[in-house]
Amino acid sequence: MAFKITEECISCGACEPECPNNAITEGETVYVIDPVRCTECVGSFSTKQCADICPVDSCVPDEANQESHEALLERWRGLHPGEEPKV
């Protein structure tokens, strides 16, 4: 499942550079996560980097975009062709 950023976001920008898939961008009032690019850091890290760094815990699972670990890893492979998963 992709992650999303809630309205509690304070637009600090800490999460954007942490995303290995460039899925996080600045929105009009809060940062947003593109669910097509989000792999929950599967393939790159063992933890969700946006959630780890967020000072107000506004990076949360997006229940509307649930996917299996295998689907997330397959997406990661598409975003990082030729690379081997790190975890």
C-alpha atoms as a PDB file:
ATOM      1  CA  MET A   1       0.000   0.000   0.000  1.00  0.00           C
ATOM      2  CA  ALA A   2       1.248   3.447  -0.762  1.00  0.00           C
ATOM      3  CA  PHE A   3       1.639   6.039   1.927  1.00  0.00           C
ATOM      4  CA  LYS A   4      -0.085   9.401   2.017  1.00  0.00           C
ATOM      5  CA  ILE A   5       0.510  12.678   3.792  1.00  0.00           C
ATOM      6  CA  THR A   6      -2.304  13.984   5.950  1.00  0.00           C
ATOM      7  CA  GLU A   7      -3.468  17.545   6.475  1.00  0.00           C
ATOM      8  CA  GLU A   8      -1.389  17.642   9.671  1.00  0.00           C
ATOM      9  CA  CYS A   9       1.667  18.164   7.426  1.00  0.00           C
ATOM     10  CA  ILE A  10       3.542  21.328   8.396  1.00  0.00           C
ATOM     11  CA  SER A  11       5.236  21.564   4.966  1.00  0.00           C
ATOM     12  CA  CYS A  12       8.709  21.318   6.465  1.00  0.00           C
ATOM     13  CA  GLY A  13       9.988  19.378   3.441  1.00  0.00           C
ATOM     14  CA  ALA A  14      11.944  16.832   5.469  1.00  0.00           C
ATOM     15  CA  CYS A  15      10.314  13.892   3.714  1.00  0.00           C
ATOM     16  CA  GLU A  16      10.899  14.905   0.094  1.00  0.00           C
ATOM     17  CA  PRO A  17      14.660  14.219  -0.146  1.00  0.00           C
ATOM     18  CA  GLU A  18      14.298  10.983   1.855  1.00  0.00           C
ATOM     19  CA  CYS A  19      12.082   9.286  -0.758  1.00  0.00           C
ATOM     20  CA  PRO A  20      14.140   6.885  -2.899  1.00  0.00           C
ATOM     21  CA  ASN A  21      11.502   6.964  -5.657  1.00  0.00           C
ATOM     22  CA  ASN A  22      10.938  10.726  -5.940  1.00  0.00           C
ATOM     23  CA  ALA A  23       7.293  10.106  -5.058  1.00  0.00           C
ATOM     24  CA  ILE A  24       6.966  13.110  -2.735  1.00  0.00           C
ATOM     25  CA  THR A  25       6.360  16.606  -4.068  1.00  0.00           C
ATOM     26  CA  GLU A  26       5.238  19.901  -2.638  1.00  0.00           C
ATOM     27  CA  GLY A  27       1.500  20.411  -3.001  1.00  0.00           C
ATOM     28  CA  GLU A  28      -0.514  23.586  -2.602  1.00  0.00           C
ATOM     29  CA  THR A  29      -0.745  23.393   1.190  1.00  0.00           C
ATOM     30  CA  VAL A  30       0.958  20.125   2.168  1.00  0.00           C
ATOM     31  CA  TYR A  31       3.390  17.695   0.582  1.00  0.00           C
ATOM     32  CA  VAL A  32       1.849  14.840  -1.417  1.00  0.00           C
ATOM     33  CA  ILE A  33       2.887  11.286  -2.240  1.00  0.00           C
ATOM     34  CA  ASP A  34       2.294   9.899  -5.732  1.00  0.00           C
ATOM     35  CA  PRO A  35       0.871   6.403  -5.132  1.00  0.00           C
ATOM     36  CA  VAL A  36       2.135   5.298  -8.558  1.00  0.00           C
ATOM     37  CA  ARG A  37       5.733   5.893  -7.424  1.00  0.00           C
ATOM     38  CA  CYS A  38       5.457   4.970  -3.735  1.00  0.00           C
ATOM     39  CA  THR A  39       6.808   1.526  -2.841  1.00  0.00           C
ATOM     40  CA  GLU A  40       6.826   2.074   0.929  1.00  0.00           C
ATOM     41  CA  CYS A  41      10.611   2.051   0.480  1.00  0.00           C
ATOM     42  CA  VAL A  42      10.495  -1.659  -0.437  1.00  0.00           C
ATOM     43  CA  GLY A  43      13.674  -2.352  -2.401  1.00  0.00           C
ATOM     44  CA  SER A  44      15.575   0.574  -0.893  1.00  0.00           C
ATOM     45  CA  PHE A  45      15.134   0.558   2.887  1.00  0.00           C
ATOM     46  CA  SER A  46      13.748  -1.688   5.613  1.00  0.00           C
ATOM     47  CA  THR A  47      11.633   1.156   7.033  1.00  0.00           C
ATOM     48  CA  LYS A  48       9.399   3.843   5.547  1.00  0.00           C
ATOM     49  CA  GLN A  49      11.721   6.826   5.302  1.00  0.00           C
ATOM     50  CA  CYS A  50       9.010   9.493   5.091  1.00  0.00           C
ATOM     51  CA  ALA A  51       7.293   8.187   8.215  1.00  0.00           C
ATOM     52  CA  ASP A  52      10.617   7.882  10.031  1.00  0.00           C
ATOM     53  CA  ILE A  53      11.615  11.499   9.371  1.00  0.00           C
ATOM     54  CA  CYS A  54       8.230  13.252   9.692  1.00  0.00           C
ATOM     55  CA  PRO A  55       8.206  15.429  12.838  1.00  0.00           C
ATOM     56  CA  VAL A  56       4.383  15.422  13.091  1.00  0.00           C
ATOM     57  CA  ASP A  57       3.616  11.830  12.020  1.00  0.00           C
ATOM     58  CA  SER A  58       1.619  12.898   8.961  1.00  0.00           C
ATOM     59  CA  CYS A  59       3.011  10.154   6.671  1.00  0.00           C
ATOM     60  CA  VAL A  60       0.589   7.274   7.081  1.00  0.00           C
ATOM     61  CA  PRO A  61      -0.553   4.179   5.157  1.00  0.00           C
ATOM     62  CA  ASP A  62      -3.078   4.960   2.431  1.00  0.00           C
ATOM     63  CA  GLU A  63      -5.830   2.393   2.921  1.00  0.00           C
ATOM     64  CA  ALA A  64      -7.148   3.188  -0.587  1.00  0.00           C
ATOM     65  CA  ASN A  65      -3.895   1.922  -2.152  1.00  0.00           C
ATOM     66  CA  GLN A  66      -3.204  -1.469  -0.607  1.00  0.00           C
ATOM     67  CA  GLU A  67      -0.658  -3.674  -2.372  1.00  0.00           C
ATOM     68  CA  SER A  68       1.361  -6.770  -1.569  1.00  0.00           C
ATOM     69  CA  HIS A  69       5.072  -6.707  -0.818  1.00  0.00           C
ATOM     70  CA  GLU A  70       5.644  -8.454  -4.143  1.00  0.00           C
ATOM     71  CA  ALA A  71       3.714  -5.769  -6.056  1.00  0.00           C
ATOM     72  CA  LEU A  72       5.666  -3.011  -4.309  1.00  0.00           C
ATOM     73  CA  LEU A  73       8.967  -4.728  -5.126  1.00  0.00           C
ATOM     74  CA  GLU A  74       7.933  -5.130  -8.758  1.00  0.00           C
ATOM     75  CA  ARG A  75       7.129  -1.406  -8.911  1.00  0.00           C
ATOM     76  CA  TRP A  76      10.516  -0.631  -7.355  1.00  0.00           C
ATOM     77  CA  ARG A  77      12.205  -2.703 -10.053  1.00  0.00           C
ATOM     78  CA  GLY A  78      10.371  -0.698 -12.710  1.00  0.00           C
ATOM     79  CA  LEU A  79      11.508   2.569 -11.136  1.00  0.00           C
ATOM     80  CA  HIS A  80      15.113   1.373 -10.718  1.00  0.00           C
ATOM     81  CA  PRO A  81      15.927  -0.739 -13.800  1.00  0.00           C
ATOM     82  CA  GLY A  82      19.188  -2.622 -13.610  1.00  0.00           C
ATOM     83  CA  GLU A  83      19.540  -2.154  -9.842  1.00  0.00           C
ATOM     84  CA  GLU A  84      19.339  -4.892  -7.264  1.00  0.00           C
ATOM     85  CA  PRO A  85      17.063  -4.391  -4.244  1.00  0.00           C
ATOM     86  CA  LYS A  86      19.053  -3.302  -1.205  1.00  0.00           C
ATOM     87  CA  VAL A  87      16.800  -5.073   1.308  1.00  0.00           C
END
